[in-house]
PDB file of all heavy atoms in Angstrom:
ATOM      1  N   SER A   1       0.821  -1.173   0.011  1.00  0.00           N
ATOM      2  CA  SER A   1       0.041   0.056  -0.025  1.00  0.00           C
ATOM      3  C   SER A   1       0.828   1.255  -0.060  1.00  0.00           C
ATOM      4  O   SER A   1       0.345   2.293  -0.177  1.00  0.00           O
ATOM      5  CB  SER A   1      -0.867  -0.123   1.287  1.00  0.00           C
ATOM      6  OG  SER A   1      -0.170   0.176   2.333  1.00  0.00           O
ATOM      7  N   ARG A   2       2.039   1.242   0.392  1.00  0.00           N
ATOM      8  CA  ARG A   2       2.939   2.419   0.338  1.00  0.00           C
ATOM      9  C   ARG A   2       3.053   3.115  -0.989  1.00  0.00           C
ATOM     10  O   ARG A   2       2.889   4.327  -0.927  1.00  0.00           O
ATOM     11  CB  ARG A   2       4.376   2.068   0.819  1.00  0.00           C
ATOM     12  CG  ARG A   2       4.382   1.533   2.332  1.00  0.00           C
ATOM     13  CD  ARG A   2       5.830   1.389   2.815  1.00  0.00           C
ATOM     14  NE  ARG A   2       5.818   0.927   4.119  1.00  0.00           N
ATOM     15  CZ  ARG A   2       5.756   1.671   5.221  1.00  0.00           C
ATOM     16  NH1 ARG A   2       5.717   3.019   5.077  1.00  0.00           N
ATOM     17  NH2 ARG A   2       5.805   1.256   6.486  1.00  0.00           N
ATOM     18  N   PRO A   3       3.310   2.450  -2.179  1.00  0.00           N
ATOM     19  CA  PRO A   3       3.217   3.257  -3.373  1.00  0.00           C
ATOM     20  C   PRO A   3       1.930   3.873  -3.593  1.00  0.00           C
ATOM     21  O   PRO A   3       1.884   5.156  -4.216  1.00  0.00           O
ATOM     22  CB  PRO A   3       3.488   2.226  -4.386  1.00  0.00           C
ATOM     23  CG  PRO A   3       4.220   1.093  -3.668  1.00  0.00           C
ATOM     24  CD  PRO A   3       3.697   1.043  -2.449  1.00  0.00           C
ATOM     25  N   LEU A   4       0.758   3.324  -3.315  1.00  0.00           N
ATOM     26  CA  LEU A   4      -0.495   3.951  -3.469  1.00  0.00           C
ATOM     27  C   LEU A   4      -0.619   5.095  -2.599  1.00  0.00           C
ATOM     28  O   LEU A   4      -1.173   6.171  -2.965  1.00  0.00           O
ATOM     29  CB  LEU A   4      -1.658   2.912  -3.094  1.00  0.00           C
ATOM     30  CG  LEU A   4      -3.083   3.276  -3.310  1.00  0.00           C
ATOM     31  CD1 LEU A   4      -3.186   3.806  -4.792  1.00  0.00           C
ATOM     32  CD2 LEU A   4      -4.000   2.309  -2.974  1.00  0.00           C
ATOM     33  N   VAL A   5      -0.184   5.112  -1.299  1.00  0.00           N
ATOM     34  CA  VAL A   5      -0.271   6.215  -0.512  1.00  0.00           C
ATOM     35  C   VAL A   5       0.624   7.394  -1.016  1.00  0.00           C
ATOM     36  O   VAL A   5       0.209   8.642  -0.964  1.00  0.00           O
ATOM     37  CB  VAL A   5       0.270   5.871   0.993  1.00  0.00           C
ATOM     38  CG1 VAL A   5       0.326   7.098   1.901  1.00  0.00           C
ATOM     39  CG2 VAL A   5      -0.666   4.930   1.690  1.00  0.00           C
ATOM     40  N   ALA A   6       1.748   6.992  -1.562  1.00  0.00           N
ATOM     41  CA  ALA A   6       2.700   8.106  -2.164  1.00  0.00           C
ATOM     42  C   ALA A   6       1.906   8.810  -3.361  1.00  0.00           C
ATOM     43  O   ALA A   6       1.921  10.060  -3.529  1.00  0.00           O
ATOM     44  CB  ALA A   6       3.929   7.412  -2.683  1.00  0.00           C
ATOM     45  N   ILE A   7       1.169   8.043  -4.140  1.00  0.00           N
ATOM     46  CA  ILE A   7       0.485   8.638  -5.206  1.00  0.00           C
ATOM     47  C   ILE A   7      -0.674   9.530  -4.775  1.00  0.00           C
ATOM     48  O   ILE A   7      -1.022  10.539  -5.134  1.00  0.00           O
ATOM     49  CB  ILE A   7      -0.110   7.499  -6.141  1.00  0.00           C
ATOM     50  CG1 ILE A   7       1.100   6.760  -6.743  1.00  0.00           C
ATOM     51  CG2 ILE A   7      -1.187   8.024  -7.136  1.00  0.00           C
ATOM     52  CD1 ILE A   7       0.467   5.480  -7.550  1.00  0.00           C
ATOM     53  N   TRP A   8      -1.311   9.109  -3.683  1.00  0.00           N
ATOM     54  CA  TRP A   8      -2.348   9.886  -3.072  1.00  0.00           C
ATOM     55  C   TRP A   8      -1.840  11.363  -2.759  1.00  0.00           C
ATOM     56  O   TRP A   8      -2.526  12.286  -2.975  1.00  0.00           O
ATOM     57  CB  TRP A   8      -2.874   9.220  -1.784  1.00  0.00           C
ATOM     58  CG  TRP A   8      -3.867   8.004  -2.149  1.00  0.00           C
ATOM     59  CD1 TRP A   8      -4.255   7.528  -3.300  1.00  0.00           C
ATOM     60  CD2 TRP A   8      -4.244   7.151  -1.124  1.00  0.00           C
ATOM     61  NE1 TRP A   8      -5.026   6.468  -3.145  1.00  0.00           N
ATOM     62  CE2 TRP A   8      -5.115   6.100  -1.724  1.00  0.00           C
ATOM     63  CE3 TRP A   8      -4.134   7.088   0.353  1.00  0.00           C
ATOM     64  CZ2 TRP A   8      -5.638   4.989  -1.121  1.00  0.00           C
ATOM     65  CZ3 TRP A   8      -4.667   5.928   0.928  1.00  0.00           C
ATOM     66  CH2 TRP A   8      -5.489   5.009   0.290  1.00  0.00           C
ATOM     67  N   PHE A   9      -0.738  11.349  -2.007  1.00  0.00           N
ATOM     68  CA  PHE A   9      -0.263  12.665  -1.572  1.00  0.00           C
ATOM     69  C   PHE A   9       0.531  13.397  -2.670  1.00  0.00           C
ATOM     70  O   PHE A   9       0.795  14.654  -2.507  1.00  0.00           O
ATOM     71  CB  PHE A   9       0.779  12.453  -0.464  1.00  0.00           C
ATOM     72  CG  PHE A   9       0.011  12.064   0.868  1.00  0.00           C
ATOM     73  CD1 PHE A   9      -0.281  10.764   1.344  1.00  0.00           C
ATOM     74  CD2 PHE A   9      -0.463  13.200   1.773  1.00  0.00           C
ATOM     75  CE1 PHE A   9      -1.002  10.633   2.451  1.00  0.00           C
ATOM     76  CE2 PHE A   9      -1.039  12.933   2.854  1.00  0.00           C
ATOM     77  CZ  PHE A   9      -1.309  11.603   3.292  1.00  0.00           C
ATOM     78  N   THR A  10       0.887  12.724  -3.801  1.00  0.00           N
ATOM     79  CA  THR A  10       1.605  13.391  -4.788  1.00  0.00           C
ATOM     80  C   THR A  10       0.483  14.322  -5.616  1.00  0.00           C
ATOM     81  O   THR A  10       0.838  15.379  -6.037  1.00  0.00           O
ATOM     82  CB  THR A  10       2.126  12.440  -5.847  1.00  0.00           C
ATOM     83  OG1 THR A  10       2.958  11.595  -5.212  1.00  0.00           O
ATOM     84  CG2 THR A  10       2.764  13.060  -7.035  1.00  0.00           C
ATOM     85  N   LEU A  11      -0.634  14.050  -5.584  1.00  0.00           N
ATOM     86  CA  LEU A  11      -1.661  14.829  -6.324  1.00  0.00           C
ATOM     87  C   LEU A  11      -1.863  16.210  -5.662  1.00  0.00           C
ATOM     88  O   LEU A  11      -1.778  17.130  -6.485  1.00  0.00           O
ATOM     89  CB  LEU A  11      -3.090  14.044  -6.367  1.00  0.00           C
ATOM     90  CG  LEU A  11      -2.996  12.762  -7.176  1.00  0.00           C
ATOM     91  CD1 LEU A  11      -4.360  12.080  -7.016  1.00  0.00           C
ATOM     92  CD2 LEU A  11      -2.675  13.016  -8.604  1.00  0.00           C
ATOM     93  N   PRO A  12      -2.084  16.257  -4.346  1.00  0.00           N
ATOM     94  CA  PRO A  12      -2.268  17.681  -3.829  1.00  0.00           C
ATOM     95  C   PRO A  12      -0.919  18.418  -3.896  1.00  0.00           C
ATOM     96  O   PRO A  12      -0.730  19.625  -4.042  1.00  0.00           O
ATOM     97  CB  PRO A  12      -2.581  17.518  -2.357  1.00  0.00           C
ATOM     98  CG  PRO A  12      -2.257  16.033  -1.945  1.00  0.00           C
ATOM     99  CD  PRO A  12      -2.450  15.320  -3.355  1.00  0.00           C
ATOM    100  N   LEU A  13       0.345  17.734  -3.941  1.00  0.00           N
ATOM    101  CA  LEU A  13       1.561  18.371  -4.057  1.00  0.00           C
ATOM    102  C   LEU A  13       1.724  18.877  -5.478  1.00  0.00           C
ATOM    103  O   LEU A  13       2.268  20.117  -5.713  1.00  0.00           O
ATOM    104  CB  LEU A  13       2.671  17.428  -3.813  1.00  0.00           C
ATOM    105  CG  LEU A  13       4.108  17.943  -3.901  1.00  0.00           C
ATOM    106  CD1 LEU A  13       4.296  19.036  -2.806  1.00  0.00           C
ATOM    107  CD2 LEU A  13       5.118  16.826  -3.631  1.00  0.00           C
ATOM    108  N   ILE A  14       1.231  18.216  -6.456  1.00  0.00           N
ATOM    109  CA  ILE A  14       1.254  18.735  -7.888  1.00  0.00           C
ATOM    110  C   ILE A  14       0.449  19.928  -8.058  1.00  0.00           C
ATOM    111  O   ILE A  14       0.722  20.773  -8.754  1.00  0.00           O
ATOM    112  CB  ILE A  14       0.880  17.604  -8.757  1.00  0.00           C
ATOM    113  CG1 ILE A  14       1.866  16.356  -8.852  1.00  0.00           C
ATOM    114  CG2 ILE A  14       0.601  18.169 -10.287  1.00  0.00           C
ATOM    115  CD1 ILE A  14       1.488  15.236  -9.788  1.00  0.00           C
ATOM    116  N   LEU A  15      -0.736  19.934  -7.336  1.00  0.00           N
ATOM    117  CA  LEU A  15      -1.564  21.088  -7.394  1.00  0.00           C
ATOM    118  C   LEU A  15      -0.950  22.309  -6.904  1.00  0.00           C
ATOM    119  O   LEU A  15      -0.972  23.340  -7.499  1.00  0.00           O
ATOM    120  CB  LEU A  15      -2.883  20.824  -6.545  1.00  0.00           C
ATOM    121  CG  LEU A  15      -3.890  22.040  -6.491  1.00  0.00           C
ATOM    122  CD1 LEU A  15      -4.429  22.360  -7.771  1.00  0.00           C
ATOM    123  CD2 LEU A  15      -4.954  21.586  -5.473  1.00  0.00           C
ATOM    124  N   THR A  16      -0.353  22.232  -5.719  1.00  0.00           N
ATOM    125  CA  THR A  16       0.231  23.431  -5.091  1.00  0.00           C
ATOM    126  C   THR A  16       1.492  23.876  -6.009  1.00  0.00           C
ATOM    127  O   THR A  16       1.622  25.034  -6.288  1.00  0.00           O
ATOM    128  CB  THR A  16       0.766  23.103  -3.730  1.00  0.00           C
ATOM    129  OG1 THR A  16       1.646  21.936  -3.701  1.00  0.00           O
ATOM    130  CG2 THR A  16      -0.377  22.859  -2.735  1.00  0.00           C
ATOM    131  N   LEU A  17       2.352  22.963  -6.470  1.00  0.00           N
ATOM    132  CA  LEU A  17       3.487  23.289  -7.217  1.00  0.00           C
ATOM    133  C   LEU A  17       3.008  23.927  -8.671  1.00  0.00           C
ATOM    134  O   LEU A  17       3.671  24.849  -9.121  1.00  0.00           O
ATOM    135  CB  LEU A  17       4.422  22.058  -7.439  1.00  0.00           C
ATOM    136  CG  LEU A  17       5.065  21.525  -6.138  1.00  0.00           C
ATOM    137  CD1 LEU A  17       5.840  20.292  -6.543  1.00  0.00           C
ATOM    138  CD2 LEU A  17       5.831  22.606  -5.505  1.00  0.00           C
ATOM    139  N   SER A  18       1.921  23.320  -9.229  1.00  0.00           N
ATOM    140  CA  SER A  18       1.534  23.782 -10.491  1.00  0.00           C
ATOM    141  C   SER A  18       0.974  25.353 -10.251  1.00  0.00           C
ATOM    142  O   SER A  18       1.137  26.260 -11.106  1.00  0.00           O
ATOM    143  CB  SER A  18       0.464  22.968 -11.070  1.00  0.00           C
ATOM    144  OG  SER A  18       0.995  21.642 -11.324  1.00  0.00           O
ATOM    145  N   CYS A  19       0.219  25.518  -9.026  1.00  0.00           N
ATOM    146  CA  CYS A  19      -0.240  26.852  -8.866  1.00  0.00           C
ATOM    147  C   CYS A  19       0.788  27.900  -8.685  1.00  0.00           C
ATOM    148  O   CYS A  19       0.753  28.999  -9.161  1.00  0.00           O
ATOM    149  CB  CYS A  19      -1.151  26.786  -7.629  1.00  0.00           C
ATOM    150  SG  CYS A  19      -2.287  28.146  -7.468  1.00  0.00           S
ATOM    151  N   LEU A  20       1.911  27.474  -8.056  1.00  0.00           N
ATOM    152  CA  LEU A  20       3.060  28.324  -7.817  1.00  0.00           C
ATOM    153  C   LEU A  20       3.711  28.667  -9.273  1.00  0.00           C
ATOM    154  O   LEU A  20       4.050  29.782  -9.412  1.00  0.00           O
ATOM    155  CB  LEU A  20       3.981  27.711  -6.886  1.00  0.00           C
ATOM    156  CG  LEU A  20       3.616  27.711  -5.349  1.00  0.00           C
ATOM    157  CD1 LEU A  20       4.630  26.953  -4.686  1.00  0.00           C
ATOM    158  CD2 LEU A  20       3.492  29.092  -4.894  1.00  0.00           C
ATOM    159  N   ALA A  21       3.832  27.645 -10.009  1.00  0.00           N
ATOM    160  CA  ALA A  21       4.365  27.983 -11.354  1.00  0.00           C
ATOM    161  C   ALA A  21       3.592  28.839 -12.172  1.00  0.00           C
ATOM    162  O   ALA A  21       4.161  29.709 -12.804  1.00  0.00           O
ATOM    163  CB  ALA A  21       4.597  26.540 -12.096  1.00  0.00           C
ATOM    164  N   ILE A  22       2.334  28.607 -12.293  1.00  0.00           N
ATOM    165  CA  ILE A  22       1.446  29.432 -13.023  1.00  0.00           C
ATOM    166  C   ILE A  22       1.450  30.880 -12.561  1.00  0.00           C
ATOM    167  O   ILE A  22       1.458  31.869 -13.298  1.00  0.00           O
ATOM    168  CB  ILE A  22       0.058  28.949 -13.062  1.00  0.00           C
ATOM    169  CG1 ILE A  22       0.035  27.572 -13.852  1.00  0.00           C
ATOM    170  CG2 ILE A  22      -1.066  29.906 -13.644  1.00  0.00           C
ATOM    171  CD1 ILE A  22      -1.315  26.826 -13.615  1.00  0.00           C
ATOM    172  N   ALA A  23       1.507  31.069 -11.183  1.00  0.00           N
ATOM    173  CA  ALA A  23       1.382  32.481 -10.547  1.00  0.00           C
ATOM    174  C   ALA A  23       2.851  33.143 -10.944  1.00  0.00           C
ATOM    175  O   ALA A  23       2.710  34.337 -11.278  1.00  0.00           O
ATOM    176  CB  ALA A  23       1.380  32.275  -9.081  1.00  0.00           C
ATOM    177  N   ARG A  24       3.933  32.409 -10.969  1.00  0.00           N
ATOM    178  CA  ARG A  24       5.151  33.136 -11.300  1.00  0.00           C
ATOM    179  C   ARG A  24       5.160  33.499 -12.824  1.00  0.00           C
ATOM    180  O   ARG A  24       5.841  34.549 -13.078  1.00  0.00           O
ATOM    181  CB  ARG A  24       6.293  31.971 -10.965  1.00  0.00           C
ATOM    182  CG  ARG A  24       7.690  32.603 -11.275  1.00  0.00           C
ATOM    183  CD  ARG A  24       8.720  31.586 -10.932  1.00  0.00           C
ATOM    184  NE  ARG A  24      10.024  32.066 -11.100  1.00  0.00           N
ATOM    185  CZ  ARG A  24      10.671  32.852 -10.195  1.00  0.00           C
ATOM    186  NH1 ARG A  24      10.068  33.071  -9.116  1.00  0.00           N
ATOM    187  NH2 ARG A  24      11.880  33.184 -10.374  1.00  0.00           N
ATOM    188  N   ILE A  25       4.382  32.843 -13.683  1.00  0.00           N
ATOM    189  CA  ILE A  25       4.464  33.135 -15.115  1.00  0.00           C
ATOM    190  C   ILE A  25       3.466  34.215 -15.385  1.00  0.00           C
ATOM    191  O   ILE A  25       3.632  35.213 -16.115  1.00  0.00           O
ATOM    192  CB  ILE A  25       4.240  31.931 -15.913  1.00  0.00           C
ATOM    193  CG1 ILE A  25       5.332  30.905 -15.752  1.00  0.00           C
ATOM    194  CG2 ILE A  25       4.044  32.299 -17.444  1.00  0.00           C
ATOM    195  CD1 ILE A  25       5.147  29.534 -16.405  1.00  0.00           C
ATOM    196  N   GLU A  26       2.218  34.069 -14.878  1.00  0.00           N
ATOM    197  CA  GLU A  26       1.161  34.922 -15.149  1.00  0.00           C
ATOM    198  C   GLU A  26       0.894  36.120 -14.456  1.00  0.00           C
ATOM    199  O   GLU A  26       0.381  37.141 -14.958  1.00  0.00           O
ATOM    200  CB  GLU A  26      -0.220  34.044 -15.160  1.00  0.00           C
ATOM    201  CG  GLU A  26      -0.199  32.886 -16.072  1.00  0.00           C
ATOM    202  CD  GLU A  26      -0.225  33.268 -17.499  1.00  0.00           C
ATOM    203  OE1 GLU A  26      -0.711  34.447 -17.863  1.00  0.00           O
ATOM    204  OE2 GLU A  26       0.190  32.450 -18.420  1.00  0.00           O
ATOM    205  N   VAL A  27       1.291  36.023 -13.099  1.00  0.00           N
ATOM    206  CA  VAL A  27       0.965  37.347 -12.332  1.00  0.00           C
ATOM    207  C   VAL A  27       1.963  38.380 -12.687  1.00  0.00           C
ATOM    208  O   VAL A  27       3.093  38.295 -12.835  1.00  0.00           O
ATOM    209  CB  VAL A  27       1.133  36.955 -10.802  1.00  0.00           C
ATOM    210  CG1 VAL A  27       1.009  38.232 -10.008  1.00  0.00           C
ATOM    211  CG2 VAL A  27       0.136  35.936 -10.393  1.00  0.00           C
ATOM    212  N   HIS A  28       1.360  39.668 -12.954  1.00  0.00           N
ATOM    213  CA  HIS A  28       2.149  40.892 -13.327  1.00  0.00           C
ATOM    214  C   HIS A  28       3.282  41.165 -12.412  1.00  0.00           C
ATOM    215  O   HIS A  28       3.081  41.045 -11.032  1.00  0.00           O
ATOM    216  CB  HIS A  28       1.228  42.183 -13.359  1.00  0.00           C
ATOM    217  CG  HIS A  28       0.352  42.101 -14.557  1.00  0.00           C
ATOM    218  ND1 HIS A  28       0.835  42.026 -15.920  1.00  0.00           N
ATOM    219  CD2 HIS A  28      -0.936  42.219 -14.659  1.00  0.00           C
ATOM    220  CE1 HIS A  28      -0.251  42.045 -16.697  1.00  0.00           C
ATOM    221  NE2 HIS A  28      -1.315  42.203 -15.917  1.00  0.00           N
ATOM    222  N   PRO A  29       4.357  41.340 -12.862  1.00  0.00           N
ATOM    223  CA  PRO A  29       5.533  41.735 -12.017  1.00  0.00           C
ATOM    224  C   PRO A  29       5.469  43.199 -11.529  1.00  0.00           C
ATOM    225  O   PRO A  29       6.109  44.128 -11.929  1.00  0.00           O
ATOM    226  CB  PRO A  29       6.804  41.660 -12.975  1.00  0.00           C
ATOM    227  CG  PRO A  29       6.245  41.982 -14.362  1.00  0.00           C
ATOM    228  CD  PRO A  29       4.754  41.475 -14.306  1.00  0.00           C
ATOM    229  N   TYR A  30       4.489  43.350 -10.603  1.00  0.00           N
ATOM    230  CA  TYR A  30       4.401  44.744  -9.922  1.00  0.00           C
ATOM    231  C   TYR A  30       5.554  45.248  -9.217  1.00  0.00           C
ATOM    232  O   TYR A  30       6.158  44.439  -8.502  1.00  0.00           O
ATOM    233  CB  TYR A  30       3.138  44.769  -9.053  1.00  0.00           C
ATOM    234  CG  TYR A  30       1.802  44.535  -9.749  1.00  0.00           C
ATOM    235  CD1 TYR A  30       1.030  43.449  -9.582  1.00  0.00           C
ATOM    236  CD2 TYR A  30       1.210  45.436 -10.656  1.00  0.00           C
ATOM    237  CE1 TYR A  30      -0.075  43.260 -10.147  1.00  0.00           C
ATOM    238  CE2 TYR A  30       0.064  45.325 -11.396  1.00  0.00           C
ATOM    239  CZ  TYR A  30      -0.618  44.158 -11.067  1.00  0.00           C
ATOM    240  OH  TYR A  30      -1.809  43.985 -11.596  1.00  0.00           O
TER     241      TYR A  30
END
């Protein structure tokens, strides 16, 4: 079950990292 648990927690981690990457590209450099 350990690989399955790792996959479960990888999904919210991908969400946060993707959000940070998009913000770095899209948000105006005020």
